[in-house]
N, C-alpha and C. Protein backbone atom coordinates (compact mmCIF):
# COMPACT_ATOMS: atom_id res chain seq x y z
N MET A 1 109.24 87.94 87.76
CA MET A 1 108.63 88.75 87.61
C MET A 1 109.58 89.18 85.66
N SER A 2 108.44 89.06 84.31
CA SER A 2 108.76 89.57 82.73
C SER A 2 109.22 90.54 83.27
N ALA A 3 110.51 90.80 82.35
CA ALA A 3 111.01 93.05 82.27
C ALA A 3 109.39 92.91 81.39
N PHE A 4 108.90 93.15 81.25
CA PHE A 4 107.77 93.56 80.21
C PHE A 4 107.21 93.92 81.72
N LYS A 5 106.89 93.24 82.52
CA LYS A 5 105.32 93.34 83.75
C LYS A 5 106.48 94.50 84.32
N ILE A 6 107.66 94.28 84.61
CA ILE A 6 108.40 94.57 85.56
C ILE A 6 108.03 96.28 85.05
N GLY A 7 108.02 96.33 83.66
CA GLY A 7 108.36 98.16 83.10
C GLY A 7 107.11 98.75 82.65
N MET A 8 105.59 97.26 82.99
CA MET A 8 104.13 98.26 82.78
C MET A 8 104.74 98.33 84.33
N LYS A 9 105.09 97.52 85.06
CA LYS A 9 104.25 97.86 86.65
C LYS A 9 104.90 100.12 86.67
N TYR A 10 106.37 99.76 86.90
CA TYR A 10 106.82 101.55 87.06
C TYR A 10 105.63 102.14 86.20
N LEU A 11 105.50 101.78 85.05
CA LEU A 11 105.16 103.19 83.79
C LEU A 11 103.37 103.17 84.77
N PHE A 12 102.75 102.10 85.77
CA PHE A 12 101.61 102.41 85.65
C PHE A 12 102.08 103.44 86.95
N ALA A 13 102.74 102.75 88.20
CA ALA A 13 103.17 103.82 89.13
C ALA A 13 103.24 105.47 88.74
N ALA A 14 103.81 105.50 87.59
CA ALA A 14 104.37 106.72 87.30
C ALA A 14 103.50 108.05 87.25
N ILE A 15 102.59 107.13 86.02
CA ILE A 15 100.90 107.10 86.36
C ILE A 15 100.30 107.79 86.87
N PHE A 16 100.60 107.29 88.46
CA PHE A 16 99.73 107.45 89.41
C PHE A 16 100.05 108.53 90.23
N ILE A 17 101.55 108.60 90.38
CA ILE A 17 102.32 109.44 91.34
C ILE A 17 102.11 110.69 90.26
N PHE A 18 102.46 111.23 89.39
CA PHE A 18 102.11 112.01 88.67
C PHE A 18 100.82 113.01 88.35
N ALA A 19 99.85 111.70 88.48
CA ALA A 19 98.62 112.77 88.89
C ALA A 19 98.09 112.73 90.90
N GLY A 20 98.75 111.93 90.38
CA GLY A 20 98.34 112.90 92.25
C GLY A 20 99.09 113.90 92.54
N PHE A 21 99.99 114.35 92.60
CA PHE A 21 101.07 115.30 92.42
C PHE A 21 100.36 116.72 91.41
N ASN A 22 99.69 115.72 90.34
CA ASN A 22 99.12 116.93 89.95
C ASN A 22 97.48 117.73 90.15
N HIS A 23 97.08 116.65 92.18
CA HIS A 23 96.19 117.06 92.46
C HIS A 23 96.12 118.55 93.15
N PHE A 24 97.69 118.33 92.88
CA PHE A 24 98.31 119.59 94.27
C PHE A 24 98.87 120.98 93.49
N ARG A 25 99.20 120.11 92.29
CA ARG A 25 99.99 121.35 91.46
C ARG A 25 98.63 122.19 90.67
N ASP A 26 97.40 121.54 90.43
CA ASP A 26 96.49 122.28 89.97
C ASP A 26 95.14 121.98 89.89
N PRO A 27 94.48 122.20 91.14
CA PRO A 27 93.40 122.02 91.78
C PRO A 27 92.23 122.41 91.13
N GLY A 28 92.01 122.87 90.71
CA GLY A 28 91.66 124.22 89.86
C GLY A 28 90.63 122.72 88.97
N PHE A 29 92.37 122.56 88.38
CA PHE A 29 90.69 121.39 86.95
C PHE A 29 90.26 120.40 87.86
N TYR A 30 90.90 119.44 89.55
CA TYR A 30 90.18 118.68 89.67
C TYR A 30 88.53 118.92 90.61
N LEU A 31 89.08 119.88 91.17
CA LEU A 31 87.61 120.68 91.76
C LEU A 31 86.42 120.62 90.57
N ARG A 32 86.85 121.04 89.15
CA ARG A 32 85.91 121.35 88.46
C ARG A 32 85.61 120.39 87.77
N ILE A 33 85.74 119.03 88.11
CA ILE A 33 85.70 117.36 87.72
C ILE A 33 85.07 117.16 88.56
N MET A 34 84.74 117.62 89.66
CA MET A 34 84.16 117.13 91.07
C MET A 34 82.95 116.92 90.50
N PRO A 35 81.63 115.68 90.65
CA PRO A 35 79.98 115.78 90.36
C PRO A 35 80.02 117.30 91.44
N PRO A 36 78.61 117.81 91.69
CA PRO A 36 77.86 118.77 92.56
C PRO A 36 77.27 117.91 93.30
N TYR A 37 77.01 116.84 93.34
CA TYR A 37 76.13 115.90 94.30
C TYR A 37 77.18 115.16 95.67
N LEU A 38 78.64 115.33 95.33
CA LEU A 38 79.09 114.68 96.38
C LEU A 38 80.19 115.99 97.54
N PRO A 39 79.97 115.96 98.86
CA PRO A 39 80.46 116.78 99.09
C PRO A 39 81.54 116.91 99.72
N TRP A 40 82.68 118.45 100.14
CA TRP A 40 83.40 118.23 100.54
C TRP A 40 84.79 118.16 98.76
N PRO A 41 84.18 118.50 98.59
CA PRO A 41 84.87 118.19 97.05
C PRO A 41 86.71 118.89 97.53
N SER A 42 86.78 119.80 98.03
CA SER A 42 87.90 120.09 98.51
C SER A 42 89.23 118.57 98.74
N ALA A 43 88.19 118.52 99.86
CA ALA A 43 89.08 116.80 100.32
C ALA A 43 88.72 116.28 99.41
N LEU A 44 88.01 115.43 99.47
CA LEU A 44 87.48 114.26 98.03
C LEU A 44 89.06 114.73 97.18
N HIS A 45 89.56 115.72 96.19
CA HIS A 45 89.82 115.88 95.47
C HIS A 45 91.62 115.64 96.51
N LEU A 46 91.82 116.27 97.23
CA LEU A 46 93.07 116.27 97.72
C LEU A 46 93.15 114.23 98.04
N ILE A 47 92.84 114.16 99.32
CA ILE A 47 92.47 112.84 99.67
C ILE A 47 92.77 111.89 97.92
N ALA A 48 91.73 112.53 96.97
CA ALA A 48 92.77 111.28 95.72
C ALA A 48 93.91 111.29 95.57
N GLY A 49 94.44 112.56 95.41
CA GLY A 49 95.56 113.12 95.06
C GLY A 49 97.16 112.64 95.83
N PHE A 50 96.36 112.42 97.60
CA PHE A 50 97.22 111.86 98.61
C PHE A 50 97.56 110.64 98.21
N PHE A 51 96.63 109.60 97.72
CA PHE A 51 96.64 107.88 97.53
C PHE A 51 96.78 107.33 96.18
N GLU A 52 96.52 108.44 94.72
CA GLU A 52 97.19 108.27 94.63
C GLU A 52 98.95 108.54 93.81
N ILE A 53 100.21 108.74 94.69
CA ILE A 53 100.52 108.79 95.32
C ILE A 53 101.33 108.05 95.62
N VAL A 54 101.03 107.86 97.09
CA VAL A 54 101.17 106.91 97.79
C VAL A 54 100.98 105.65 97.20
N LEU A 55 99.79 105.24 96.47
CA LEU A 55 98.79 103.93 96.60
C LEU A 55 100.55 103.76 94.58
N GLY A 56 101.03 104.62 94.16
CA GLY A 56 101.55 104.58 93.09
C GLY A 56 102.78 103.98 93.24
N MET A 57 103.65 104.26 94.44
CA MET A 57 104.54 104.29 95.45
C MET A 57 104.34 103.09 96.57
N MET A 58 103.62 102.89 96.72
CA MET A 58 103.49 101.06 97.40
C MET A 58 103.65 100.31 96.49
N LEU A 59 102.52 100.40 94.63
CA LEU A 59 102.89 99.20 93.88
C LEU A 59 104.41 99.05 93.18
N LEU A 60 104.84 100.39 93.68
CA LEU A 60 107.03 99.70 93.42
C LEU A 60 107.95 99.32 94.81
N ILE A 61 106.78 98.61 95.17
CA ILE A 61 107.05 98.05 96.44
C ILE A 61 106.96 96.61 96.44
N PRO A 62 107.69 95.31 96.45
CA PRO A 62 106.91 94.36 96.19
C PRO A 62 106.18 94.05 97.22
N ARG A 63 107.00 94.10 98.75
CA ARG A 63 105.92 93.84 99.56
C ARG A 63 104.72 94.41 99.79
N PHE A 64 104.23 95.54 99.37
CA PHE A 64 102.94 95.90 99.18
C PHE A 64 102.26 96.10 97.42
N GLN A 65 103.20 95.74 96.80
CA GLN A 65 102.46 95.56 95.37
C GLN A 65 101.09 95.76 95.48
N ARG A 66 100.52 94.23 96.30
CA ARG A 66 98.85 92.99 96.06
C ARG A 66 98.57 94.69 96.43
N LEU A 67 98.39 95.05 97.96
CA LEU A 67 97.64 95.97 98.44
C LEU A 67 97.42 97.29 97.55
N ALA A 68 98.70 97.75 96.97
CA ALA A 68 98.56 98.47 96.54
C ALA A 68 97.60 98.67 95.02
N ALA A 69 97.97 97.24 94.37
CA ALA A 69 96.86 96.66 93.75
C ALA A 69 95.46 97.52 93.99
N TRP A 70 94.76 96.73 94.54
CA TRP A 70 93.74 96.93 94.59
C TRP A 70 93.38 97.87 95.45
N GLY A 71 93.83 98.41 96.58
CA GLY A 71 94.26 100.26 96.66
C GLY A 71 93.54 100.43 95.25
N LEU A 72 94.56 100.75 93.99
CA LEU A 72 94.43 101.95 93.19
C LEU A 72 93.08 101.50 91.98
N ILE A 73 92.18 100.08 92.36
CA ILE A 73 91.07 99.47 92.06
C ILE A 73 89.90 99.79 92.42
N ALA A 74 90.16 99.62 94.18
CA ALA A 74 88.92 101.18 94.56
C ALA A 74 89.43 102.78 94.34
N LEU A 75 90.74 103.08 94.14
CA LEU A 75 90.13 104.65 93.96
C LEU A 75 89.67 104.47 92.50
N LEU A 76 90.06 103.94 91.21
CA LEU A 76 89.47 103.87 90.08
C LEU A 76 88.51 104.03 89.97
N LEU A 77 87.32 103.22 90.88
CA LEU A 77 86.15 102.96 91.08
C LEU A 77 85.48 104.68 91.98
N ALA A 78 86.25 104.67 92.22
CA ALA A 78 86.09 105.41 93.37
C ALA A 78 85.61 107.08 92.59
N VAL A 79 86.38 107.38 91.96
CA VAL A 79 86.29 108.12 90.88
C VAL A 79 85.94 108.45 89.50
N TYR A 80 84.90 107.20 89.09
CA TYR A 80 84.41 107.03 88.08
C TYR A 80 83.59 108.20 88.50
N PRO A 81 82.74 107.72 89.31
CA PRO A 81 81.16 108.71 88.72
C PRO A 81 82.30 109.71 87.91
N ALA A 82 83.38 110.81 89.06
CA ALA A 82 83.65 112.21 87.99
C ALA A 82 84.03 111.91 86.64
N ASN A 83 84.23 110.69 86.27
CA ASN A 83 84.76 110.42 84.72
C ASN A 83 83.47 110.86 84.03
N ILE A 84 82.49 110.03 84.74
CA ILE A 84 80.88 110.38 84.23
C ILE A 84 80.20 111.75 83.91
N HIS A 85 80.33 112.28 85.16
CA HIS A 85 80.33 113.71 85.67
C HIS A 85 80.93 113.96 84.71
N MET A 86 81.97 114.46 83.50
CA MET A 86 83.00 114.85 82.93
C MET A 86 81.85 114.25 81.59
N ALA A 87 81.54 113.19 81.09
CA ALA A 87 81.02 112.64 79.31
C ALA A 87 79.77 113.17 79.47
N VAL A 88 79.33 113.04 80.68
CA VAL A 88 77.73 114.22 80.65
C VAL A 88 77.57 114.58 80.74
N ASN A 89 78.42 116.09 80.74
CA ASN A 89 78.01 117.19 81.00
C ASN A 89 80.22 117.74 80.46
N HIS A 90 80.45 117.09 79.30
CA HIS A 90 81.26 117.66 78.52
C HIS A 90 80.66 118.87 77.80
N ASP A 91 79.75 119.87 77.67
CA ASP A 91 79.55 121.18 77.76
C ASP A 91 80.17 122.35 78.21
N GLN A 92 81.11 121.61 79.81
CA GLN A 92 82.08 122.65 80.68
C GLN A 92 82.15 122.35 81.06
N PHE A 93 83.33 121.80 80.35
CA PHE A 93 85.06 120.90 79.41
C PHE A 93 85.05 121.54 78.23
N PRO A 94 84.97 122.69 77.42
CA PRO A 94 85.16 123.78 76.04
C PRO A 94 87.27 123.13 76.22
N ASP A 95 87.38 122.60 76.68
CA ASP A 95 88.93 122.69 76.47
C ASP A 95 89.14 121.22 76.80
N VAL A 96 88.29 120.94 76.71
CA VAL A 96 88.59 119.05 76.60
C VAL A 96 88.08 118.90 75.79
N PRO A 97 88.05 117.76 74.20
CA PRO A 97 87.13 117.47 73.11
C PRO A 97 86.42 116.59 73.73
N MET A 98 85.66 116.67 73.80
CA MET A 98 84.41 116.19 73.57
C MET A 98 84.49 114.07 73.83
N ILE A 99 85.27 113.77 72.51
CA ILE A 99 85.42 111.80 72.01
C ILE A 99 86.18 111.92 73.87
N PHE A 100 87.02 112.69 73.90
CA PHE A 100 87.67 112.53 75.08
C PHE A 100 87.45 111.69 76.49
N HIS A 101 85.87 112.38 76.54
CA HIS A 101 85.48 111.99 77.93
C HIS A 101 84.82 110.54 77.57
N TRP A 102 84.37 109.89 76.61
CA TRP A 102 83.94 108.95 76.69
C TRP A 102 84.39 107.69 75.96
N ILE A 103 85.55 108.21 75.56
CA ILE A 103 87.25 106.89 75.39
C ILE A 103 87.12 107.00 76.89
N ARG A 104 87.76 108.17 77.21
CA ARG A 104 88.01 107.73 79.29
C ARG A 104 86.67 106.96 80.04
N LEU A 105 86.06 106.92 79.86
CA LEU A 105 84.90 105.96 80.22
C LEU A 105 85.21 104.03 80.03
N PRO A 106 85.41 103.71 79.28
CA PRO A 106 85.96 102.55 78.92
C PRO A 106 87.10 102.22 79.59
N LEU A 107 87.89 103.33 79.34
CA LEU A 107 89.16 102.80 79.43
C LEU A 107 89.56 102.87 81.00
N GLN A 108 88.50 103.93 82.03
CA GLN A 108 88.50 103.29 83.86
C GLN A 108 89.03 101.52 83.59
N PHE A 109 88.44 101.17 82.49
CA PHE A 109 88.19 99.86 83.62
C PHE A 109 89.15 98.69 82.92
N VAL A 110 89.82 99.45 81.57
CA VAL A 110 91.57 99.29 81.40
C VAL A 110 92.53 99.30 82.67
N ALA A 111 92.39 100.19 82.51
CA ALA A 111 93.40 101.01 84.31
C ALA A 111 92.84 99.79 85.04
N ILE A 112 91.90 99.72 85.26
CA ILE A 112 91.07 98.31 86.99
C ILE A 112 91.75 97.37 86.50
N ALA A 113 92.28 96.82 85.33
CA ALA A 113 92.60 95.76 84.27
C ALA A 113 93.92 95.50 84.89
N TRP A 114 94.76 96.61 84.45
CA TRP A 114 95.71 96.87 84.81
C TRP A 114 96.44 96.28 85.77
N ALA A 115 95.92 97.39 87.35
CA ALA A 115 96.15 97.45 88.26
C ALA A 115 96.04 95.46 88.59
N TRP A 116 94.82 95.18 88.49
CA TRP A 116 93.80 93.55 88.79
C TRP A 116 95.62 92.82 88.58
N TRP A 117 95.78 93.05 87.11
CA TRP A 117 97.32 92.27 87.23
C TRP A 117 98.25 92.50 87.49
N PHE A 118 98.45 93.52 88.29
CA PHE A 118 99.22 93.36 90.35
C PHE A 118 99.03 92.71 90.68
N THR A 119 97.65 91.89 90.85
CA THR A 119 97.34 91.63 92.15
C THR A 119 97.72 90.39 92.34
N LYS A 120 98.63 89.63 90.81
CA LYS A 120 98.09 88.29 90.91
C LYS A 120 99.81 88.41 91.18
N ALA A 121 100.39 87.11 91.76
CA ALA A 121 101.37 86.38 92.36
C ALA A 121 102.22 86.19 90.54
N ASP A 122 103.54 85.95 90.57
CA ASP A 122 103.94 85.79 89.68
C ASP A 122 104.79 84.13 89.85
N GLU A 123 104.60 82.97 88.73
CA GLU A 123 105.51 82.11 88.64
C GLU A 123 107.01 82.38 88.90
N VAL A 124 108.24 82.26 88.87
CA VAL A 124 109.29 82.28 88.95
C VAL A 124 109.99 80.82 88.85
N LYS A 125 110.24 79.81 88.21
CA LYS A 125 111.22 78.72 88.47
C LYS A 125 110.97 77.93 88.74
N GLY A 126 109.04 77.92 88.33
CA GLY A 126 107.67 76.60 89.18
C GLY A 126 107.60 76.89 90.29
N LEU A 127 107.96 78.30 90.58
CA LEU A 127 107.93 78.52 92.09
C LEU A 127 106.35 80.16 92.11
N LYS A 128 105.63 80.02 92.64
CA LYS A 128 105.36 80.99 93.27
C LYS A 128 106.39 81.53 93.58
N TYR A 129 105.81 83.10 93.04
CA TYR A 129 106.18 84.21 93.18
C TYR A 129 105.49 85.66 94.11
N ASP A 130 105.23 85.14 95.81
CA ASP A 130 104.38 86.00 95.89
C ASP A 130 104.82 87.73 97.05
N PRO A 131 104.46 88.68 96.58
CA PRO A 131 105.03 89.42 96.77
C PRO A 131 104.68 90.22 98.86
N GLY A 132 103.49 89.34 98.58
CA GLY A 132 102.81 89.92 100.37
C GLY A 132 103.03 89.11 100.90
N LYS A 133 104.08 87.72 101.13
CA LYS A 133 104.63 87.23 102.01
C LYS A 133 106.22 86.98 101.86
N ILE A 134 106.69 86.69 103.34
CA ILE A 134 107.43 87.29 103.60
C ILE A 134 108.58 85.88 103.96
N SER A 135 110.01 85.66 103.66
CA SER A 135 110.21 84.33 103.70
C SER A 135 110.87 83.66 105.07
């Protein structure tokens, strides 16, 4: 794996680990962005935070990298309704500029592509490196 990809993997993992811990540090923010049609908002935001931390850490373990990346893709898709809710109801979030909400929607797909990058095996000296397989 190239030094650039390794650095990007550590950055991506750190973003999720930090965001996951933030669910526990500032639950009010996450409860506010939960769409009202979803049941058990407290449980859902805590579950999301837990999986952000766990999947972020798993991404750093080569054996679990691919599984973690797919898990992060699923998580990013699962939380997308909250991003849509924030954009459509931006007036409920006056502390955050409206443009942030709308830019965040397509950036979610950039994050999904970033996670997908880590589902791919890397080539090392002509050999396929598959972190999911043990030699």
